[in-house]
Structures are given as C-alpha cells and as structure tokens.
C-alpha atoms as a PDB file:
ATOM      1  CA  MET A   1      39.748  15.638 -16.135  1.00  0.00           C
ATOM      2  CA  ASP A   2      41.269  12.677 -14.320  1.00  0.00           C
ATOM      3  CA  GLU A   3      39.997  14.050 -11.007  1.00  0.00           C
ATOM      4  CA  PHE A   4      36.501  14.364 -12.489  1.00  0.00           C
ATOM      5  CA  VAL A   5      36.548  10.757 -13.732  1.00  0.00           C
ATOM      6  CA  THR A   6      37.771   9.573 -10.334  1.00  0.00           C
ATOM      7  CA  TRP A   7      34.979  11.525  -8.619  1.00  0.00           C
ATOM      8  CA  MET A   8      32.369  10.031 -10.953  1.00  0.00           C
ATOM      9  CA  ARG A   9      33.578   6.497 -10.295  1.00  0.00           C
ATOM     10  CA  GLN A  10      33.506   7.091  -6.549  1.00  0.00           C
ATOM     11  CA  ASP A  11      30.025   8.550  -6.874  1.00  0.00           C
ATOM     12  CA  GLU A  12      28.849   5.488  -8.771  1.00  0.00           C
ATOM     13  CA  ARG A  13      30.255   3.188  -6.096  1.00  0.00           C
ATOM     14  CA  GLU A  14      28.406   5.128  -3.426  1.00  0.00           C
ATOM     15  CA  PHE A  15      25.197   4.995  -5.441  1.00  0.00           C
ATOM     16  CA  PHE A  16      25.358   1.233  -5.655  1.00  0.00           C
ATOM     17  CA  ASP A  17      26.180   0.893  -2.007  1.00  0.00           C
ATOM     18  CA  GLU A  18      24.369  -1.928  -0.255  1.00  0.00           C
ATOM     19  CA  VAL A  19      22.194   0.508   1.666  1.00  0.00           C
ATOM     20  CA  MET A  20      21.034   2.227  -1.487  1.00  0.00           C
ATOM     21  CA  LYS A  21      20.185  -1.120  -3.039  1.00  0.00           C
ATOM     22  CA  ILE A  22      18.074  -2.038  -0.029  1.00  0.00           C
ATOM     23  CA  TYR A  23      16.253   1.291  -0.139  1.00  0.00           C
ATOM     24  CA  CYS A  24      15.513   0.693  -3.819  1.00  0.00           C
ATOM     25  CA  VAL A  25      14.273  -2.842  -3.198  1.00  0.00           C
ATOM     26  CA  ILE A  26      11.673  -1.805  -0.596  1.00  0.00           C
ATOM     27  CA  PRO A  27       9.448   0.253  -2.970  1.00  0.00           C
ATOM     28  CA  LEU A  28      10.057  -2.290  -5.732  1.00  0.00           C
ATOM     29  CA  CYS A  29       8.645  -4.989  -3.440  1.00  0.00           C
ATOM     30  CA  PHE A  30       5.430  -2.969  -3.278  1.00  0.00           C
ATOM     31  CA  LEU A  31       5.301  -2.600  -7.055  1.00  0.00           C
ATOM     32  CA  GLY A  32       6.131  -6.266  -7.479  1.00  0.00           C
ATOM     33  CA  GLY A  33       3.277  -7.204  -5.191  1.00  0.00           C
ATOM     34  CA  GLN A  34       0.913  -5.070  -7.245  1.00  0.00           C
ATOM     35  CA  LEU A  35       2.113  -6.138 -10.695  1.00  0.00           C
ATOM     36  CA  VAL A  36       3.180  -9.753 -10.194  1.00  0.00           C
ATOM     37  CA  VAL A  37       1.009 -11.044  -7.357  1.00  0.00           C
ATOM     38  CA  THR A  38      -2.159  -8.929  -7.433  1.00  0.00           C
ATOM     39  CA  ALA A  39      -2.790  -7.724 -10.982  1.00  0.00           C
ATOM     40  CA  PRO A  40      -2.775 -11.092 -12.821  1.00  0.00           C
ATOM     41  CA  TYR A  41      -5.446 -12.481 -10.491  1.00  0.00           C
ATOM     42  CA  ALA A  42      -7.655  -9.414 -10.408  1.00  0.00           C
ATOM     43  CA  PRO A  43     -10.994  -9.738 -12.174  1.00  0.00           C
ATOM     44  CA  ASN A  44     -12.285  -7.002 -14.437  1.00  0.00           C
ATOM     45  CA  ILE A  45     -12.901  -3.879 -12.382  1.00  0.00           C
ATOM     46  CA  SER A  46     -15.801  -1.490 -12.724  1.00  0.00           C
ATOM     47  CA  PRO A  47     -15.498   1.373 -15.238  1.00  0.00           C
ATOM     48  CA  MET A  48     -13.718   4.443 -13.869  1.00  0.00           C
ATOM     49  CA  HIS A  49     -13.580   8.104 -14.794  1.00  0.00           C
ATOM     50  CA  ILE A  50     -11.190   8.840 -17.642  1.00  0.00           C
ATOM     51  CA  LEU A  51      -9.165  11.274 -15.500  1.00  0.00           C
ATOM     52  CA  ILE A  52      -8.384   8.737 -12.774  1.00  0.00           C
ATOM     53  CA  MET A  53      -5.684   6.968 -14.785  1.00  0.00           C
ATOM     54  CA  PRO A  54      -3.629  10.061 -15.806  1.00  0.00           C
ATOM     55  CA  PHE A  55      -3.886  11.525 -12.304  1.00  0.00           C
ATOM     56  CA  GLY A  56      -2.825   8.173 -10.843  1.00  0.00           C
ATOM     57  CA  ILE A  57       0.133   7.973 -13.237  1.00  0.00           C
ATOM     58  CA  PHE A  58       1.209  11.528 -12.387  1.00  0.00           C
ATOM     59  CA  TYR A  59       0.869  10.872  -8.642  1.00  0.00           C
ATOM     60  CA  ASN A  60       2.995   7.733  -8.743  1.00  0.00           C
ATOM     61  CA  ILE A  61       5.619   9.258 -11.026  1.00  0.00           C
ATOM     62  CA  MET A  62       6.064  12.243  -8.703  1.00  0.00           C
ATOM     63  CA  ASN A  63       6.220  10.089  -5.591  1.00  0.00           C
ATOM     64  CA  GLY A  64       8.612   7.672  -7.269  1.00  0.00           C
ATOM     65  CA  TYR A  65      10.799  10.537  -8.479  1.00  0.00           C
ATOM     66  CA  THR A  66      11.093  12.225  -5.080  1.00  0.00           C
ATOM     67  CA  VAL A  67      11.868   8.947  -3.304  1.00  0.00           C
ATOM     68  CA  ALA A  68      14.404   7.988  -5.997  1.00  0.00           C
ATOM     69  CA  ARG A  69      16.095  11.393  -5.754  1.00  0.00           C
ATOM     70  CA  TRP A  70      16.374  10.964  -2.002  1.00  0.00           C
ATOM     71  CA  ILE A  71      17.822   7.475  -2.396  1.00  0.00           C
ATOM     72  CA  SER A  72      20.335   8.434  -5.085  1.00  0.00           C
ATOM     73  CA  ILE A  73      21.320  11.990  -4.127  1.00  0.00           C
ATOM     74  CA  PHE A  74      20.086  13.649  -0.967  1.00  0.00           C
ATOM     75  CA  GLY A  75      19.998  10.733   1.439  1.00  0.00           C
ATOM     76  CA  ARG A  76      23.343   9.137   0.675  1.00  0.00           C
ATOM     77  CA  ASP A  77      25.468  11.168   3.049  1.00  0.00           C
ATOM     78  CA  ASN A  78      22.933  11.472   5.841  1.00  0.00           C
ATOM     79  CA  TYR A  79      21.367   8.027   6.106  1.00  0.00           C
ATOM     80  CA  LEU A  80      24.135   5.505   5.507  1.00  0.00           C
ATOM     81  CA  TYR A  81      24.779   5.122   9.234  1.00  0.00           C
ATOM     82  CA  ASP A  82      22.712   5.403  12.407  1.00  0.00           C
ATOM     83  CA  GLU A  83      23.542   7.613  15.381  1.00  0.00           C
ATOM     84  CA  ASP A  84      25.830   4.897  16.774  1.00  0.00           C
ATOM     85  CA  GLY A  85      27.875   4.671  13.573  1.00  0.00           C
ATOM     86  CA  ARG A  86      26.432   1.295  12.477  1.00  0.00           C
ATOM     87  CA  ASP A  87      25.504   0.544   8.888  1.00  0.00           C
ATOM     88  CA  ILE A  88      21.902   1.573   8.574  1.00  0.00           C
ATOM     89  CA  TYR A  89      20.706  -1.882   7.505  1.00  0.00           C
ATOM     90  CA  LYS A  90      22.068  -3.287  10.788  1.00  0.00           C
ATOM     91  CA  SER A  91      20.135  -0.757  12.845  1.00  0.00           C
ATOM     92  CA  PRO A  92      17.124  -1.976  14.896  1.00  0.00           C
ATOM     93  CA  ARG A  93      15.081   0.925  13.528  1.00  0.00           C
ATOM     94  CA  PHE A  94      15.788  -0.071   9.931  1.00  0.00           C
ATOM     95  CA  ILE A  95      15.005  -3.737  10.637  1.00  0.00           C
ATOM     96  CA  LEU A  96      11.755  -2.726  12.379  1.00  0.00           C
ATOM     97  CA  GLY A  97      10.774  -0.517   9.433  1.00  0.00           C
ATOM     98  CA  VAL A  98      11.362  -3.280   6.899  1.00  0.00           C
ATOM     99  CA  PHE A  99       9.409  -5.740   9.063  1.00  0.00           C
ATOM    100  CA  ILE A 100       6.456  -3.330   9.305  1.00  0.00           C
ATOM    101  CA  PHE A 101       6.618  -2.780   5.545  1.00  0.00           C
ATOM    102  CA  LEU A 102       6.431  -6.536   4.879  1.00  0.00           C
ATOM    103  CA  VAL A 103       3.541  -6.939   7.333  1.00  0.00           C
ATOM    104  CA  GLY A 104       1.655  -4.156   5.559  1.00  0.00           C
ATOM    105  CA  MET A 105       2.343  -5.683   2.143  1.00  0.00           C
ATOM    106  CA  THR A 106       1.021  -9.041   3.366  1.00  0.00           C
ATOM    107  CA  ILE A 107      -2.143  -7.390   4.716  1.00  0.00           C
ATOM    108  CA  ASN A 108      -2.631  -5.515   1.452  1.00  0.00           C
ATOM    109  CA  ILE A 109      -2.207  -8.514  -0.848  1.00  0.00           C
ATOM    110  CA  HIS A 110      -4.219 -10.894   1.346  1.00  0.00           C
ATOM    111  CA  HIS A 111      -7.267  -8.640   1.530  1.00  0.00           C
ATOM    112  CA  ASP A 112      -7.039  -7.685  -2.135  1.00  0.00           C
ATOM    113  CA  ASN A 113      -7.257 -11.405  -2.868  1.00  0.00           C
ATOM    114  CA  ILE A 114     -10.363 -11.703  -0.674  1.00  0.00           C
ATOM    115  CA  LEU A 115     -11.981  -8.939  -2.723  1.00  0.00           C
ATOM    116  CA  PHE A 116     -10.954 -10.581  -5.989  1.00  0.00           C
ATOM    117  CA  SER A 117     -12.348 -13.900  -4.797  1.00  0.00           C
ATOM    118  CA  LEU A 118     -15.542 -12.119  -3.831  1.00  0.00           C
ATOM    119  CA  ARG A 119     -15.924 -10.599  -7.288  1.00  0.00           C
ATOM    120  CA  SER A 120     -15.091 -13.804  -9.128  1.00  0.00           C
ATOM    121  CA  ASN A 121     -17.767 -15.646  -7.137  1.00  0.00           C
ATOM    122  CA  LEU A 122     -20.414 -12.980  -7.701  1.00  0.00           C
ATOM    123  CA  ASP A 123     -22.550 -15.098 -10.032  1.00  0.00           C
ATOM    124  CA  LYS A 124     -21.864 -18.435  -8.370  1.00  0.00           C
ATOM    125  CA  SER A 125     -24.267 -20.122  -6.014  1.00  0.00           C
ATOM    126  CA  THR A 126     -21.492 -21.548  -3.874  1.00  0.00           C
ATOM    127  CA  LYS A 127     -19.876 -19.242  -1.321  1.00  0.00           C
ATOM    128  CA  SER A 128     -16.590 -19.386   0.515  1.00  0.00           C
ATOM    129  CA  GLU A 129     -16.288 -18.665   4.241  1.00  0.00           C
ATOM    130  CA  SER A 130     -15.115 -15.114   3.544  1.00  0.00           C
ATOM    131  CA  ILE A 131     -18.069 -14.213   1.301  1.00  0.00           C
ATOM    132  CA  LYS A 132     -21.602 -13.239   2.196  1.00  0.00           C
ATOM    133  CA  VAL A 133     -24.173 -12.615  -0.561  1.00  0.00           C
ATOM    134  CA  VAL A 134     -26.847  -9.974  -0.006  1.00  0.00           C
ATOM    135  CA  THR A 135     -29.672  -9.126  -2.402  1.00  0.00           C
ATOM    136  CA  ASN A 136     -30.418  -5.482  -3.031  1.00  0.00           C
ATOM    137  CA  THR A 137     -33.955  -4.932  -1.709  1.00  0.00           C
ATOM    138  CA  SER A 138     -34.693  -2.221  -4.286  1.00  0.00           C
ATOM    139  CA  SER A 139     -33.477  -4.406  -7.148  1.00  0.00           C
ATOM    140  CA  PRO A 140     -33.749  -8.139  -6.366  1.00  0.00           C
ATOM    141  CA  SER A 141     -31.945  -9.064  -9.576  1.00  0.00           C
ATOM    142  CA  SER A 142     -28.818  -7.258  -8.396  1.00  0.00           C
ATOM    143  CA  LYS A 143     -26.582  -8.980  -5.892  1.00  0.00           C
ATOM    144  CA  TYR A 144     -23.795  -7.495  -3.846  1.00  0.00           C
ATOM    145  CA  LEU A 145     -21.279  -9.131  -1.591  1.00  0.00           C
ATOM    146  CA  ILE A 146     -20.050  -8.286   1.894  1.00  0.00           C
ATOM    147  CA  PRO A 147     -16.446  -9.354   2.412  1.00  0.00           C
ATOM    148  CA  ASN A 148     -15.697 -11.154   5.650  1.00  0.00           C
ATOM    149  CA  GLY A 149     -12.589 -12.668   7.142  1.00  0.00           C
ATOM    150  CA  GLY A 150      -9.317 -11.215   8.366  1.00  0.00           C
ATOM    151  CA  LEU A 151      -9.420  -7.489   8.986  1.00  0.00           C
ATOM    152  CA  PHE A 152     -12.661  -7.248   7.002  1.00  0.00           C
ATOM    153  CA  ASN A 153     -14.298  -8.237  10.286  1.00  0.00           C
ATOM    154  CA  TYR A 154     -13.137  -4.922  11.746  1.00  0.00           C
ATOM    155  CA  ILE A 155     -12.797  -2.394   8.918  1.00  0.00           C
ATOM    156  CA  ALA A 156     -14.268  -1.804   5.482  1.00  0.00           C
ATOM    157  CA  CYS A 157     -10.957  -1.308   3.664  1.00  0.00           C
ATOM    158  CA  PRO A 158      -8.143  -3.450   5.105  1.00  0.00           C
ATOM    159  CA  ASN A 159      -6.304  -3.355   1.779  1.00  0.00           C
ATOM    160  CA  TYR A 160      -5.992   0.424   2.193  1.00  0.00           C
ATOM    161  CA  PHE A 161      -4.896  -0.085   5.797  1.00  0.00           C
ATOM    162  CA  GLY A 162      -2.214  -2.517   4.656  1.00  0.00           C
ATOM    163  CA  GLU A 163      -0.775  -0.016   2.199  1.00  0.00           C
ATOM    164  CA  ILE A 164      -0.672   2.664   4.902  1.00  0.00           C
ATOM    165  CA  VAL A 165       1.221   0.240   7.148  1.00  0.00           C
ATOM    166  CA  GLU A 166       3.638  -0.442   4.291  1.00  0.00           C
ATOM    167  CA  TRP A 167       4.580   3.192   3.843  1.00  0.00           C
ATOM    168  CA  ALA A 168       4.712   3.786   7.592  1.00  0.00           C
ATOM    169  CA  GLY A 169       7.337   1.050   7.706  1.00  0.00           C
ATOM    170  CA  PHE A 170       9.195   2.695   4.829  1.00  0.00           C
ATOM    171  CA  VAL A 171       9.214   5.989   6.748  1.00  0.00           C
ATOM    172  CA  ILE A 172      10.808   4.259   9.743  1.00  0.00           C
ATOM    173  CA  ALA A 173      13.311   2.365   7.590  1.00  0.00           C
ATOM    174  CA  THR A 174      14.447   5.550   5.827  1.00  0.00           C
ATOM    175  CA  TRP A 175      14.960   7.434   9.087  1.00  0.00           C
ATOM    176  CA  TYR A 176      11.861   9.614   8.592  1.00  0.00           C
ATOM    177  CA  SER A 177      13.095  11.059   5.324  1.00  0.00           C
ATOM    178  CA  PHE A 178      10.995  13.895   3.929  1.00  0.00           C
ATOM    179  CA  PRO A 179       9.947  12.143   0.666  1.00  0.00           C
ATOM    180  CA  ALA A 180       8.875   9.018   2.542  1.00  0.00           C
ATOM    181  CA  VAL A 181       6.886  11.077   5.059  1.00  0.00           C
ATOM    182  CA  MET A 182       5.190  12.977   2.230  1.00  0.00           C
ATOM    183  CA  PHE A 183       4.395   9.685   0.476  1.00  0.00           C
ATOM    184  CA  LEU A 184       2.749   8.449   3.682  1.00  0.00           C
ATOM    185  CA  MET A 185       0.823  11.721   4.102  1.00  0.00           C
ATOM    186  CA  THR A 186      -0.494  11.654   0.536  1.00  0.00           C
ATOM    187  CA  THR A 187      -1.463   7.997   0.988  1.00  0.00           C
ATOM    188  CA  LEU A 188      -3.440   8.913   4.124  1.00  0.00           C
ATOM    189  CA  ALA A 189      -5.037  11.880   2.364  1.00  0.00           C
ATOM    190  CA  ASN A 190      -6.029   9.602  -0.505  1.00  0.00           C
ATOM    191  CA  PHE A 191      -7.234   6.535   1.378  1.00  0.00           C
ATOM    192  CA  ILE A 192      -9.009   7.917   4.461  1.00  0.00           C
ATOM    193  CA  PRO A 193     -11.747   9.772   2.508  1.00  0.00           C
ATOM    194  CA  ARG A 194     -12.121   6.821   0.125  1.00  0.00           C
ATOM    195  CA  ALA A 195     -12.436   4.371   3.005  1.00  0.00           C
ATOM    196  CA  ARG A 196     -15.043   6.518   4.746  1.00  0.00           C
ATOM    197  CA  SER A 197     -16.961   6.760   1.478  1.00  0.00           C
ATOM    198  CA  ASN A 198     -16.778   2.984   1.006  1.00  0.00           C
ATOM    199  CA  LEU A 199     -18.037   2.389   4.547  1.00  0.00           C
ATOM    200  CA  LYS A 200     -20.955   4.739   3.945  1.00  0.00           C
ATOM    201  CA  TRP A 201     -21.751   2.899   0.710  1.00  0.00           C
ATOM    202  CA  TYR A 202     -21.737  -0.470   2.487  1.00  0.00           C
ATOM    203  CA  ARG A 203     -24.076   0.792   5.202  1.00  0.00           C
ATOM    204  CA  VAL A 204     -26.480   2.385   2.728  1.00  0.00           C
ATOM    205  CA  LYS A 205     -26.432  -0.603   0.393  1.00  0.00           C
ATOM    206  CA  PHE A 206     -26.755  -3.373   2.975  1.00  0.00           C
ATOM    207  CA  GLY A 207     -28.493  -1.629   5.860  1.00  0.00           C
ATOM    208  CA  ASP A 208     -28.708  -3.779   8.979  1.00  0.00           C
ATOM    209  CA  ALA A 209     -26.986  -6.666   7.193  1.00  0.00           C
ATOM    210  CA  TYR A 210     -23.671  -4.810   7.365  1.00  0.00           C
ATOM    211  CA  PRO A 211     -21.976  -5.148  10.774  1.00  0.00           C
ATOM    212  CA  LYS A 212     -22.367  -1.912  12.738  1.00  0.00           C
ATOM    213  CA  ASN A 213     -19.075  -2.307  14.608  1.00  0.00           C
ATOM    214  CA  ARG A 214     -16.886  -2.039  11.519  1.00  0.00           C
ATOM    215  CA  LYS A 215     -14.782   1.073  11.090  1.00  0.00           C
ATOM    216  CA  ALA A 216     -13.572   2.530   7.800  1.00  0.00           C
ATOM    217  CA  ILE A 217      -9.813   2.007   7.715  1.00  0.00           C
ATOM    218  CA  ILE A 218      -8.218   1.711  11.190  1.00  0.00           C
ATOM    219  CA  PRO A 219      -9.542  -1.058  13.477  1.00  0.00           C
ATOM    220  CA  PHE A 220     -11.481   0.284  16.492  1.00  0.00           C
ATOM    221  CA  VAL A 221     -10.460   3.874  15.672  1.00  0.00           C
ATOM    222  CA  LEU A 222     -11.555   5.287  12.308  1.00  0.00           C
END
C-alpha cells in the first residue's frame, strides 16, 4: 500500500511537471482567445442548422480529450526531453512551435475582429478602411460587405488560415504527437471546403466587384 501511495505521488508530480503545464496552456490560450477576446465582441451571427452545435461540441470534446490524454498519460515519458537531452521547453523546435501558434492566434483574432466590425457597421453609412459596401443587384435593399485589409486582401478566410497556423505550431511544439497531428488534419478537412465555399459565395454574390486574385484560405496557393 505504501508503495502504491508513493507511486501515485510521484505520478502526480510528473503530471504537474513544467512541461505538462506548458502543453496545457497552449490549447487554453486558443480557448481563451475565443471565449475572452472574440466572443464578447461578436455581433449576433446568422441562424445555423440545429445539428451544427451538437456536432461542434462532440468534435471539440473528442479533440480535447485525445490531446489531454496525450499530455497527461502517453506523452509524459516520450516528450519531456529533446534528442539532445534538453528540457523540451528549452528546445528550439518547441520555441518555434509556440511562436507559430501565437502568430496564428493573432491572425485569427485580428481577422475575426475585422469581420465583426464589418457586421456591426452593416447598417451604418460610414465605413472604415477595411470595409467595402456592395449592393446586391438582384435585391437593391439588401447590402453585403466585402472585408478588406490584412490577409483579406489575399484570401477569403484569413481567420480560418490563422487557426490552421495555430495548430500547425502546436504540432511542432508537441514533437509531432499523433493527437496534435490529427487535430490539425481535422481542422484542414473542416476549413478548406468551407473556405472554398465562402470564396465561391463571394464571387457569385459580388461578381466583378470581388477581387479576382483572392484565394480561399492559403495566400497565393489555395
């Protein structure tokens, strides 16, 4: 019994190791950006299908669970140190991954805010530099807005691009762990078709008014 208690205490110390804390903080930064920075300033969104919310909840729970299991159980013995024996958070690869994650989070939040500003100014006559108002030719009473500024000048969905960059950074920081790679793959599978659909919608809705050089989600590529 005493050996079991000693093992449990040692296991708890390992779980709360500095590396594990850092790995926990990275995804929480993403959630914090969504809940604390983005959500309070988001205007009312358009109605969505009733199944989108439960599927979204299930998707995030499963991704969160697999990443958490890797952090707390499977990754502890394999990813505490790099190939040179250094603590993982001192490794150039880990530092690069965290930097890429923060860059992606900044891109995501910044362009979400451009969209929110665009929506909040929908019925206003004044326009900011990042907003262009276009009247629907088939329904002059309906107005739609083309976002401009930042990566919107190159792609239709820079907020999606930013989130992809975030999780690519997480993959690098976690030494290409399987759950992180799968999270990135599911993010790509989710966002690429949506971005292509959004680009098609922009081009159909605005016609020649929408810049022809813009891609869907990756500047100059896709």
